[in-house]
Amino acid sequence: KWYAFVVEDGIKLQKTSNSNVVGIDLG
């Protein structure tokens, strides 16, 4: 298979004001 990896710039990302904190244990 053939794939194209397209790098895009100039996007205004929507920022959130979420202040919730979570701790994560990986296993």
mmCIF file of all heavy atoms, coordinates in Angstrom:
data_MODEL
# 
_entry.id   MODEL 
# 
loop_
_atom_site.group_PDB 
_atom_site.id 
_atom_site.type_symbol 
_atom_site.label_atom_id 
_atom_site.label_alt_id 
_atom_site.label_comp_id 
_atom_site.label_asym_id 
_atom_site.label_entity_id 
_atom_site.label_seq_id 
_atom_site.pdbx_PDB_ins_code 
_atom_site.Cartn_x 
_atom_site.Cartn_y 
_atom_site.Cartn_z 
_atom_site.occupancy 
_atom_site.B_iso_or_equiv 
_atom_site.pdbx_formal_charge 
_atom_site.auth_seq_id 
_atom_site.auth_comp_id 
_atom_site.auth_asym_id 
_atom_site.auth_atom_id 
_atom_site.pdbx_PDB_model_num 
ATOM 1   N N   . LYS A 1 1  ? 0.832   -1.204 0.000  1.00 0.00 ? 1  LYS A N   1 
ATOM 2   C CA  . LYS A 1 1  ? 0.000   0.000  0.000  1.00 0.00 ? 1  LYS A CA  1 
ATOM 3   C C   . LYS A 1 1  ? 0.868   1.256  0.000  1.00 0.00 ? 1  LYS A C   1 
ATOM 4   O O   . LYS A 1 1  ? 1.996   1.255  0.483  1.00 0.00 ? 1  LYS A O   1 
ATOM 5   C CB  . LYS A 1 1  ? -0.916  0.003  1.233  1.00 0.00 ? 1  LYS A CB  1 
ATOM 6   C CG  . LYS A 1 1  ? -1.900  -1.156 1.267  1.00 0.00 ? 1  LYS A CG  1 
ATOM 7   C CD  . LYS A 1 1  ? -2.710  -1.130 2.551  1.00 0.00 ? 1  LYS A CD  1 
ATOM 8   C CE  . LYS A 1 1  ? -3.649  -2.326 2.637  1.00 0.00 ? 1  LYS A CE  1 
ATOM 9   N NZ  . LYS A 1 1  ? -4.411  -2.345 3.901  1.00 0.00 ? 1  LYS A NZ  1 
ATOM 10  N N   . TRP A 1 2  ? 0.289   2.324  -0.550 1.00 0.00 ? 2  TRP A N   1 
ATOM 11  C CA  . TRP A 1 2  ? 0.955   3.626  -0.588 1.00 0.00 ? 2  TRP A CA  1 
ATOM 12  C C   . TRP A 1 2  ? 0.167   4.606  0.277  1.00 0.00 ? 2  TRP A C   1 
ATOM 13  O O   . TRP A 1 2  ? -1.060  4.634  0.229  1.00 0.00 ? 2  TRP A O   1 
ATOM 14  C CB  . TRP A 1 2  ? 1.038   4.162  -2.020 1.00 0.00 ? 2  TRP A CB  1 
ATOM 15  C CG  . TRP A 1 2  ? 1.947   3.378  -2.913 1.00 0.00 ? 2  TRP A CG  1 
ATOM 16  C CD1 . TRP A 1 2  ? 1.622   2.275  -3.649 1.00 0.00 ? 2  TRP A CD1 1 
ATOM 17  C CD2 . TRP A 1 2  ? 3.332   3.636  -3.183 1.00 0.00 ? 2  TRP A CD2 1 
ATOM 18  N NE1 . TRP A 1 2  ? 2.705   1.820  -4.350 1.00 0.00 ? 2  TRP A NE1 1 
ATOM 19  C CE2 . TRP A 1 2  ? 3.778   2.646  -4.095 1.00 0.00 ? 2  TRP A CE2 1 
ATOM 20  C CE3 . TRP A 1 2  ? 4.240   4.607  -2.766 1.00 0.00 ? 2  TRP A CE3 1 
ATOM 21  C CZ2 . TRP A 1 2  ? 5.076   2.598  -4.576 1.00 0.00 ? 2  TRP A CZ2 1 
ATOM 22  C CZ3 . TRP A 1 2  ? 5.539   4.556  -3.236 1.00 0.00 ? 2  TRP A CZ3 1 
ATOM 23  C CH2 . TRP A 1 2  ? 5.948   3.567  -4.132 1.00 0.00 ? 2  TRP A CH2 1 
ATOM 24  N N   . TYR A 1 3  ? 0.906   5.410  1.043  1.00 0.00 ? 3  TYR A N   1 
ATOM 25  C CA  . TYR A 1 3  ? 0.272   6.420  1.892  1.00 0.00 ? 3  TYR A CA  1 
ATOM 26  C C   . TYR A 1 3  ? 0.989   7.754  1.718  1.00 0.00 ? 3  TYR A C   1 
ATOM 27  O O   . TYR A 1 3  ? 2.189   7.795  1.425  1.00 0.00 ? 3  TYR A O   1 
ATOM 28  C CB  . TYR A 1 3  ? 0.320   6.012  3.365  1.00 0.00 ? 3  TYR A CB  1 
ATOM 29  C CG  . TYR A 1 3  ? -0.648  4.911  3.737  1.00 0.00 ? 3  TYR A CG  1 
ATOM 30  C CD1 . TYR A 1 3  ? -0.271  3.570  3.659  1.00 0.00 ? 3  TYR A CD1 1 
ATOM 31  C CD2 . TYR A 1 3  ? -1.933  5.209  4.165  1.00 0.00 ? 3  TYR A CD2 1 
ATOM 32  C CE1 . TYR A 1 3  ? -1.158  2.556  3.991  1.00 0.00 ? 3  TYR A CE1 1 
ATOM 33  C CE2 . TYR A 1 3  ? -2.822  4.198  4.508  1.00 0.00 ? 3  TYR A CE2 1 
ATOM 34  C CZ  . TYR A 1 3  ? -2.433  2.883  4.415  1.00 0.00 ? 3  TYR A CZ  1 
ATOM 35  O OH  . TYR A 1 3  ? -3.309  1.882  4.741  1.00 0.00 ? 3  TYR A OH  1 
ATOM 36  N N   . ALA A 1 4  ? 0.218   8.826  1.908  1.00 0.00 ? 4  ALA A N   1 
ATOM 37  C CA  . ALA A 1 4  ? 0.783   10.176 1.906  1.00 0.00 ? 4  ALA A CA  1 
ATOM 38  C C   . ALA A 1 4  ? 0.632   10.779 3.292  1.00 0.00 ? 4  ALA A C   1 
ATOM 39  O O   . ALA A 1 4  ? -0.477  10.782 3.843  1.00 0.00 ? 4  ALA A O   1 
ATOM 40  C CB  . ALA A 1 4  ? 0.082   11.044 0.870  1.00 0.00 ? 4  ALA A CB  1 
ATOM 41  N N   . PHE A 1 5  ? 1.728   11.277 3.852  1.00 0.00 ? 5  PHE A N   1 
ATOM 42  C CA  . PHE A 1 5  ? 1.708   11.949 5.149  1.00 0.00 ? 5  PHE A CA  1 
ATOM 43  C C   . PHE A 1 5  ? 1.738   13.455 4.884  1.00 0.00 ? 5  PHE A C   1 
ATOM 44  O O   . PHE A 1 5  ? 2.760   13.990 4.444  1.00 0.00 ? 5  PHE A O   1 
ATOM 45  C CB  . PHE A 1 5  ? 2.886   11.505 6.004  1.00 0.00 ? 5  PHE A CB  1 
ATOM 46  C CG  . PHE A 1 5  ? 2.815   10.058 6.417  1.00 0.00 ? 5  PHE A CG  1 
ATOM 47  C CD1 . PHE A 1 5  ? 3.268   9.051  5.577  1.00 0.00 ? 5  PHE A CD1 1 
ATOM 48  C CD2 . PHE A 1 5  ? 2.277   9.700  7.640  1.00 0.00 ? 5  PHE A CD2 1 
ATOM 49  C CE1 . PHE A 1 5  ? 3.198   7.722  5.939  1.00 0.00 ? 5  PHE A CE1 1 
ATOM 50  C CE2 . PHE A 1 5  ? 2.199   8.368  8.022  1.00 0.00 ? 5  PHE A CE2 1 
ATOM 51  C CZ  . PHE A 1 5  ? 2.663   7.375  7.165  1.00 0.00 ? 5  PHE A CZ  1 
ATOM 52  N N   . VAL A 1 6  ? 0.615   14.095 5.126  1.00 0.00 ? 6  VAL A N   1 
ATOM 53  C CA  . VAL A 1 6  ? 0.427   15.509 4.789  1.00 0.00 ? 6  VAL A CA  1 
ATOM 54  C C   . VAL A 1 6  ? 0.616   16.355 6.046  1.00 0.00 ? 6  VAL A C   1 
ATOM 55  O O   . VAL A 1 6  ? -0.110  16.173 7.035  1.00 0.00 ? 6  VAL A O   1 
ATOM 56  C CB  . VAL A 1 6  ? -0.973  15.742 4.182  1.00 0.00 ? 6  VAL A CB  1 
ATOM 57  C CG1 . VAL A 1 6  ? -1.171  17.212 3.827  1.00 0.00 ? 6  VAL A CG1 1 
ATOM 58  C CG2 . VAL A 1 6  ? -1.175  14.866 2.940  1.00 0.00 ? 6  VAL A CG2 1 
ATOM 59  N N   . VAL A 1 7  ? 1.587   17.263 6.008  1.00 0.00 ? 7  VAL A N   1 
ATOM 60  C CA  . VAL A 1 7  ? 1.850   18.155 7.138  1.00 0.00 ? 7  VAL A CA  1 
ATOM 61  C C   . VAL A 1 7  ? 1.113   19.461 6.903  1.00 0.00 ? 7  VAL A C   1 
ATOM 62  O O   . VAL A 1 7  ? 1.348   20.161 5.918  1.00 0.00 ? 7  VAL A O   1 
ATOM 63  C CB  . VAL A 1 7  ? 3.361   18.414 7.302  1.00 0.00 ? 7  VAL A CB  1 
ATOM 64  C CG1 . VAL A 1 7  ? 3.610   19.367 8.473  1.00 0.00 ? 7  VAL A CG1 1 
ATOM 65  C CG2 . VAL A 1 7  ? 4.115   17.108 7.512  1.00 0.00 ? 7  VAL A CG2 1 
ATOM 66  N N   . GLU A 1 8  ? 0.201   19.779 7.830  1.00 0.00 ? 8  GLU A N   1 
ATOM 67  C CA  . GLU A 1 8  ? -0.669  20.946 7.697  1.00 0.00 ? 8  GLU A CA  1 
ATOM 68  C C   . GLU A 1 8  ? -0.304  21.984 8.749  1.00 0.00 ? 8  GLU A C   1 
ATOM 69  O O   . GLU A 1 8  ? -0.074  21.659 9.911  1.00 0.00 ? 8  GLU A O   1 
ATOM 70  C CB  . GLU A 1 8  ? -2.122  20.489 7.847  1.00 0.00 ? 8  GLU A CB  1 
ATOM 71  C CG  . GLU A 1 8  ? -3.147  21.594 7.779  1.00 0.00 ? 8  GLU A CG  1 
ATOM 72  C CD  . GLU A 1 8  ? -4.540  21.090 8.137  1.00 0.00 ? 8  GLU A CD  1 
ATOM 73  O OE1 . GLU A 1 8  ? -4.653  19.958 8.666  1.00 0.00 ? 8  GLU A OE1 1 
ATOM 74  O OE2 . GLU A 1 8  ? -5.502  21.833 7.904  1.00 0.00 ? 8  GLU A OE2 1 
ATOM 75  N N   . ASP A 1 9  ? -0.279  23.245 8.341  1.00 0.00 ? 9  ASP A N   1 
ATOM 76  C CA  . ASP A 1 9  ? 0.044   24.348 9.243  1.00 0.00 ? 9  ASP A CA  1 
ATOM 77  C C   . ASP A 1 9  ? -1.020  25.429 9.104  1.00 0.00 ? 9  ASP A C   1 
ATOM 78  O O   . ASP A 1 9  ? -1.768  25.469 8.135  1.00 0.00 ? 9  ASP A O   1 
ATOM 79  C CB  . ASP A 1 9  ? 1.427   24.924 8.921  1.00 0.00 ? 9  ASP A CB  1 
ATOM 80  C CG  . ASP A 1 9  ? 1.939   25.832 10.025 1.00 0.00 ? 9  ASP A CG  1 
ATOM 81  O OD1 . ASP A 1 9  ? 1.382   25.789 11.129 1.00 0.00 ? 9  ASP A OD1 1 
ATOM 82  O OD2 . ASP A 1 9  ? 2.904   26.587 9.787  1.00 0.00 ? 9  ASP A OD2 1 
ATOM 83  N N   . GLY A 1 10 ? -1.054  26.329 10.090 1.00 0.00 ? 10 GLY A N   1 
ATOM 84  C CA  . GLY A 1 10 ? -1.976  27.454 10.024 1.00 0.00 ? 10 GLY A CA  1 
ATOM 85  C C   . GLY A 1 10 ? -3.357  27.152 10.555 1.00 0.00 ? 10 GLY A C   1 
ATOM 86  O O   . GLY A 1 10 ? -4.311  27.879 10.272 1.00 0.00 ? 10 GLY A O   1 
ATOM 87  N N   . ILE A 1 11 ? -3.509  26.061 11.340 1.00 0.00 ? 11 ILE A N   1 
ATOM 88  C CA  . ILE A 1 11 ? -4.803  25.704 11.908 1.00 0.00 ? 11 ILE A CA  1 
ATOM 89  C C   . ILE A 1 11 ? -4.941  26.347 13.289 1.00 0.00 ? 11 ILE A C   1 
ATOM 90  O O   . ILE A 1 11 ? -4.068  26.221 14.143 1.00 0.00 ? 11 ILE A O   1 
ATOM 91  C CB  . ILE A 1 11 ? -4.955  24.175 12.027 1.00 0.00 ? 11 ILE A CB  1 
ATOM 92  C CG1 . ILE A 1 11 ? -4.973  23.552 10.638 1.00 0.00 ? 11 ILE A CG1 1 
ATOM 93  C CG2 . ILE A 1 11 ? -6.221  23.809 12.781 1.00 0.00 ? 11 ILE A CG2 1 
ATOM 94  C CD1 . ILE A 1 11 ? -6.179  23.938 9.816  1.00 0.00 ? 11 ILE A CD1 1 
ATOM 95  N N   . LYS A 1 12 ? -6.068  27.029 13.509 1.00 0.00 ? 12 LYS A N   1 
ATOM 96  C CA  . LYS A 1 12 ? -6.366  27.593 14.815 1.00 0.00 ? 12 LYS A CA  1 
ATOM 97  C C   . LYS A 1 12 ? -7.097  26.539 15.638 1.00 0.00 ? 12 LYS A C   1 
ATOM 98  O O   . LYS A 1 12 ? -8.240  26.189 15.359 1.00 0.00 ? 12 LYS A O   1 
ATOM 99  C CB  . LYS A 1 12 ? -7.221  28.854 14.675 1.00 0.00 ? 12 LYS A CB  1 
ATOM 100 C CG  . LYS A 1 12 ? -6.485  30.021 14.034 1.00 0.00 ? 12 LYS A CG  1 
ATOM 101 C CD  . LYS A 1 12 ? -7.357  31.266 13.995 1.00 0.00 ? 12 LYS A CD  1 
ATOM 102 C CE  . LYS A 1 12 ? -6.600  32.437 13.381 1.00 0.00 ? 12 LYS A CE  1 
ATOM 103 N NZ  . LYS A 1 12 ? -7.451  33.658 13.316 1.00 0.00 ? 12 LYS A NZ  1 
ATOM 104 N N   . LEU A 1 13 ? -6.409  26.025 16.624 1.00 0.00 ? 13 LEU A N   1 
ATOM 105 C CA  . LEU A 1 13 ? -6.977  24.966 17.456 1.00 0.00 ? 13 LEU A CA  1 
ATOM 106 C C   . LEU A 1 13 ? -7.844  25.563 18.552 1.00 0.00 ? 13 LEU A C   1 
ATOM 107 O O   . LEU A 1 13 ? -7.512  26.592 19.144 1.00 0.00 ? 13 LEU A O   1 
ATOM 108 C CB  . LEU A 1 13 ? -5.856  24.132 18.072 1.00 0.00 ? 13 LEU A CB  1 
ATOM 109 C CG  . LEU A 1 13 ? -4.938  23.437 17.063 1.00 0.00 ? 13 LEU A CG  1 
ATOM 110 C CD1 . LEU A 1 13 ? -3.714  22.888 17.762 1.00 0.00 ? 13 LEU A CD1 1 
ATOM 111 C CD2 . LEU A 1 13 ? -5.670  22.323 16.339 1.00 0.00 ? 13 LEU A CD2 1 
ATOM 112 N N   . GLN A 1 14 ? -8.974  24.911 18.801 1.00 0.00 ? 14 GLN A N   1 
ATOM 113 C CA  . GLN A 1 14 ? -9.886  25.372 19.831 1.00 0.00 ? 14 GLN A CA  1 
ATOM 114 C C   . GLN A 1 14 ? -9.358  24.992 21.207 1.00 0.00 ? 14 GLN A C   1 
ATOM 115 O O   . GLN A 1 14 ? -9.181  23.814 21.509 1.00 0.00 ? 14 GLN A O   1 
ATOM 116 C CB  . GLN A 1 14 ? -11.276 24.773 19.609 1.00 0.00 ? 14 GLN A CB  1 
ATOM 117 C CG  . GLN A 1 14 ? -12.328 25.329 20.548 1.00 0.00 ? 14 GLN A CG  1 
ATOM 118 C CD  . GLN A 1 14 ? -13.704 24.765 20.238 1.00 0.00 ? 14 GLN A CD  1 
ATOM 119 O OE1 . GLN A 1 14 ? -13.849 23.947 19.335 1.00 0.00 ? 14 GLN A OE1 1 
ATOM 120 N NE2 . GLN A 1 14 ? -14.706 25.204 20.976 1.00 0.00 ? 14 GLN A NE2 1 
ATOM 121 N N   . LYS A 1 15 ? -9.082  26.008 22.025 1.00 0.00 ? 15 LYS A N   1 
ATOM 122 C CA  . LYS A 1 15 ? -8.530  25.767 23.350 1.00 0.00 ? 15 LYS A CA  1 
ATOM 123 C C   . LYS A 1 15 ? -9.658  25.596 24.372 1.00 0.00 ? 15 LYS A C   1 
ATOM 124 O O   . LYS A 1 15 ? -10.707 26.229 24.270 1.00 0.00 ? 15 LYS A O   1 
ATOM 125 C CB  . LYS A 1 15 ? -7.623  26.929 23.773 1.00 0.00 ? 15 LYS A CB  1 
ATOM 126 C CG  . LYS A 1 15 ? -6.488  27.222 22.806 1.00 0.00 ? 15 LYS A CG  1 
ATOM 127 C CD  . LYS A 1 15 ? -5.474  26.099 22.758 1.00 0.00 ? 15 LYS A CD  1 
ATOM 128 C CE  . LYS A 1 15 ? -4.299  26.453 21.853 1.00 0.00 ? 15 LYS A CE  1 
ATOM 129 N NZ  . LYS A 1 15 ? -3.293  25.384 21.794 1.00 0.00 ? 15 LYS A NZ  1 
ATOM 130 N N   . THR A 1 16 ? -9.440  24.722 25.339 1.00 0.00 ? 16 THR A N   1 
ATOM 131 C CA  . THR A 1 16 ? -10.420 24.512 26.390 1.00 0.00 ? 16 THR A CA  1 
ATOM 132 C C   . THR A 1 16 ? -9.886  25.072 27.701 1.00 0.00 ? 16 THR A C   1 
ATOM 133 O O   . THR A 1 16 ? -8.682  25.184 27.905 1.00 0.00 ? 16 THR A O   1 
ATOM 134 C CB  . THR A 1 16 ? -10.707 23.006 26.573 1.00 0.00 ? 16 THR A CB  1 
ATOM 135 O OG1 . THR A 1 16 ? -9.496  22.342 26.964 1.00 0.00 ? 16 THR A OG1 1 
ATOM 136 C CG2 . THR A 1 16 ? -11.227 22.396 25.289 1.00 0.00 ? 16 THR A CG2 1 
ATOM 137 N N   . SER A 1 17 ? -10.805 25.437 28.570 1.00 0.00 ? 17 SER A N   1 
ATOM 138 C CA  . SER A 1 17 ? -10.418 25.972 29.885 1.00 0.00 ? 17 SER A CA  1 
ATOM 139 C C   . SER A 1 17 ? -10.653 24.931 30.976 1.00 0.00 ? 17 SER A C   1 
ATOM 140 O O   . SER A 1 17 ? -10.996 25.266 32.104 1.00 0.00 ? 17 SER A O   1 
ATOM 141 C CB  . SER A 1 17 ? -11.228 27.243 30.178 1.00 0.00 ? 17 SER A CB  1 
ATOM 142 O OG  . SER A 1 17 ? -12.624 26.964 30.103 1.00 0.00 ? 17 SER A OG  1 
ATOM 143 N N   . ASN A 1 18 ? -10.488 23.674 30.624 1.00 0.00 ? 18 ASN A N   1 
ATOM 144 C CA  . ASN A 1 18 ? -10.707 22.579 31.568 1.00 0.00 ? 18 ASN A CA  1 
ATOM 145 C C   . ASN A 1 18 ? -9.550  22.529 32.567 1.00 0.00 ? 18 ASN A C   1 
ATOM 146 O O   . ASN A 1 18 ? -8.389  22.436 32.185 1.00 0.00 ? 18 ASN A O   1 
ATOM 147 C CB  . ASN A 1 18 ? -10.800 21.259 30.797 1.00 0.00 ? 18 ASN A CB  1 
ATOM 148 C CG  . ASN A 1 18 ? -11.361 20.134 31.639 1.00 0.00 ? 18 ASN A CG  1 
ATOM 149 O OD1 . ASN A 1 18 ? -11.327 20.187 32.865 1.00 0.00 ? 18 ASN A OD1 1 
ATOM 150 N ND2 . ASN A 1 18 ? -11.882 19.118 30.979 1.00 0.00 ? 18 ASN A ND2 1 
ATOM 151 N N   . SER A 1 19 ? -9.874  22.598 33.859 1.00 0.00 ? 19 SER A N   1 
ATOM 152 C CA  . SER A 1 19 ? -8.827  22.567 34.892 1.00 0.00 ? 19 SER A CA  1 
ATOM 153 C C   . SER A 1 19 ? -8.855  21.267 35.696 1.00 0.00 ? 19 SER A C   1 
ATOM 154 O O   . SER A 1 19 ? -8.233  21.188 36.759 1.00 0.00 ? 19 SER A O   1 
ATOM 155 C CB  . SER A 1 19 ? -8.985  23.762 35.835 1.00 0.00 ? 19 SER A CB  1 
ATOM 156 O OG  . SER A 1 19 ? -10.246 23.721 36.488 1.00 0.00 ? 19 SER A OG  1 
ATOM 157 N N   . ASN A 1 20 ? -9.568  20.255 35.212 1.00 0.00 ? 20 ASN A N   1 
ATOM 158 C CA  . ASN A 1 20 ? -9.607  18.970 35.910 1.00 0.00 ? 20 ASN A CA  1 
ATOM 159 C C   . ASN A 1 20 ? -8.236  18.302 35.855 1.00 0.00 ? 20 ASN A C   1 
ATOM 160 O O   . ASN A 1 20 ? -7.559  18.338 34.838 1.00 0.00 ? 20 ASN A O   1 
ATOM 161 C CB  . ASN A 1 20 ? -10.648 18.043 35.282 1.00 0.00 ? 20 ASN A CB  1 
ATOM 162 C CG  . ASN A 1 20 ? -12.059 18.579 35.454 1.00 0.00 ? 20 ASN A CG  1 
ATOM 163 O OD1 . ASN A 1 20 ? -12.345 19.300 36.406 1.00 0.00 ? 20 ASN A OD1 1 
ATOM 164 N ND2 . ASN A 1 20 ? -12.945 18.249 34.537 1.00 0.00 ? 20 ASN A ND2 1 
ATOM 165 N N   . VAL A 1 21 ? -7.864  17.684 36.963 1.00 0.00 ? 21 VAL A N   1 
ATOM 166 C CA  . VAL A 1 21 ? -6.568  17.002 37.062 1.00 0.00 ? 21 VAL A CA  1 
ATOM 167 C C   . VAL A 1 21 ? -6.817  15.511 37.267 1.00 0.00 ? 21 VAL A C   1 
ATOM 168 O O   . VAL A 1 21 ? -7.700  15.118 38.039 1.00 0.00 ? 21 VAL A O   1 
ATOM 169 C CB  . VAL A 1 21 ? -5.728  17.562 38.231 1.00 0.00 ? 21 VAL A CB  1 
ATOM 170 C CG1 . VAL A 1 21 ? -4.366  16.883 38.287 1.00 0.00 ? 21 VAL A CG1 1 
ATOM 171 C CG2 . VAL A 1 21 ? -5.563  19.075 38.086 1.00 0.00 ? 21 VAL A CG2 1 
ATOM 172 N N   . VAL A 1 22 ? -6.035  14.682 36.576 1.00 0.00 ? 22 VAL A N   1 
ATOM 173 C CA  . VAL A 1 22 ? -6.152  13.238 36.726 1.00 0.00 ? 22 VAL A CA  1 
ATOM 174 C C   . VAL A 1 22 ? -4.757  12.625 36.806 1.00 0.00 ? 22 VAL A C   1 
ATOM 175 O O   . VAL A 1 22 ? -3.832  13.067 36.125 1.00 0.00 ? 22 VAL A O   1 
ATOM 176 C CB  . VAL A 1 22 ? -6.957  12.612 35.556 1.00 0.00 ? 22 VAL A CB  1 
ATOM 177 C CG1 . VAL A 1 22 ? -6.225  12.771 34.238 1.00 0.00 ? 22 VAL A CG1 1 
ATOM 178 C CG2 . VAL A 1 22 ? -7.279  11.152 35.820 1.00 0.00 ? 22 VAL A CG2 1 
ATOM 179 N N   . GLY A 1 23 ? -4.609  11.651 37.680 1.00 0.00 ? 23 GLY A N   1 
ATOM 180 C CA  . GLY A 1 23 ? -3.369  10.890 37.758 1.00 0.00 ? 23 GLY A CA  1 
ATOM 181 C C   . GLY A 1 23 ? -3.572  9.529  37.116 1.00 0.00 ? 23 GLY A C   1 
ATOM 182 O O   . GLY A 1 23 ? -4.621  8.893  37.310 1.00 0.00 ? 23 GLY A O   1 
ATOM 183 N N   . ILE A 1 24 ? -2.599  9.075  36.347 1.00 0.00 ? 24 ILE A N   1 
ATOM 184 C CA  . ILE A 1 24 ? -2.728  7.820  35.594 1.00 0.00 ? 24 ILE A CA  1 
ATOM 185 C C   . ILE A 1 24 ? -1.571  6.898  35.927 1.00 0.00 ? 24 ILE A C   1 
ATOM 186 O O   . ILE A 1 24 ? -0.403  7.290  35.822 1.00 0.00 ? 24 ILE A O   1 
ATOM 187 C CB  . ILE A 1 24 ? -2.779  8.095  34.078 1.00 0.00 ? 24 ILE A CB  1 
ATOM 188 C CG1 . ILE A 1 24 ? -4.047  8.868  33.719 1.00 0.00 ? 24 ILE A CG1 1 
ATOM 189 C CG2 . ILE A 1 24 ? -2.716  6.795  33.286 1.00 0.00 ? 24 ILE A CG2 1 
ATOM 190 C CD1 . ILE A 1 24 ? -4.160  9.241  32.254 1.00 0.00 ? 24 ILE A CD1 1 
ATOM 191 N N   . ASP A 1 25 ? -1.911  5.679  36.310 1.00 0.00 ? 25 ASP A N   1 
ATOM 192 C CA  . ASP A 1 25 ? -0.919  4.639  36.551 1.00 0.00 ? 25 ASP A CA  1 
ATOM 193 C C   . ASP A 1 25 ? -0.944  3.676  35.363 1.00 0.00 ? 25 ASP A C   1 
ATOM 194 O O   . ASP A 1 25 ? -1.998  3.117  35.028 1.00 0.00 ? 25 ASP A O   1 
ATOM 195 C CB  . ASP A 1 25 ? -1.232  3.889  37.849 1.00 0.00 ? 25 ASP A CB  1 
ATOM 196 C CG  . ASP A 1 25 ? -0.243  2.760  38.111 1.00 0.00 ? 25 ASP A CG  1 
ATOM 197 O OD1 . ASP A 1 25 ? 0.914   3.063  38.446 1.00 0.00 ? 25 ASP A OD1 1 
ATOM 198 O OD2 . ASP A 1 25 ? -0.630  1.581  37.964 1.00 0.00 ? 25 ASP A OD2 1 
ATOM 199 N N   . LEU A 1 26 ? 0.197   3.492  34.723 1.00 0.00 ? 26 LEU A N   1 
ATOM 200 C CA  . LEU A 1 26 ? 0.305   2.606  33.567 1.00 0.00 ? 26 LEU A CA  1 
ATOM 201 C C   . LEU A 1 26 ? 0.738   1.216  34.011 1.00 0.00 ? 26 LEU A C   1 
ATOM 202 O O   . LEU A 1 26 ? 1.572   1.074  34.904 1.00 0.00 ? 26 LEU A O   1 
ATOM 203 C CB  . LEU A 1 26 ? 1.315   3.162  32.557 1.00 0.00 ? 26 LEU A CB  1 
ATOM 204 C CG  . LEU A 1 26 ? 0.982   4.524  31.938 1.00 0.00 ? 26 LEU A CG  1 
ATOM 205 C CD1 . LEU A 1 26 ? 2.145   5.007  31.077 1.00 0.00 ? 26 LEU A CD1 1 
ATOM 206 C CD2 . LEU A 1 26 ? -0.285  4.459  31.103 1.00 0.00 ? 26 LEU A CD2 1 
ATOM 207 N N   . GLY A 1 27 ? 0.172   0.194  33.370 1.00 0.00 ? 27 GLY A N   1 
ATOM 208 C CA  . GLY A 1 27 ? 0.527   -1.180 33.712 1.00 0.00 ? 27 GLY A CA  1 
ATOM 209 C C   . GLY A 1 27 ? 0.308   -2.113 32.541 1.00 0.00 ? 27 GLY A C   1 
ATOM 210 O O   . GLY A 1 27 ? -0.013  -1.678 31.432 1.00 0.00 ? 27 GLY A O   1 
# 
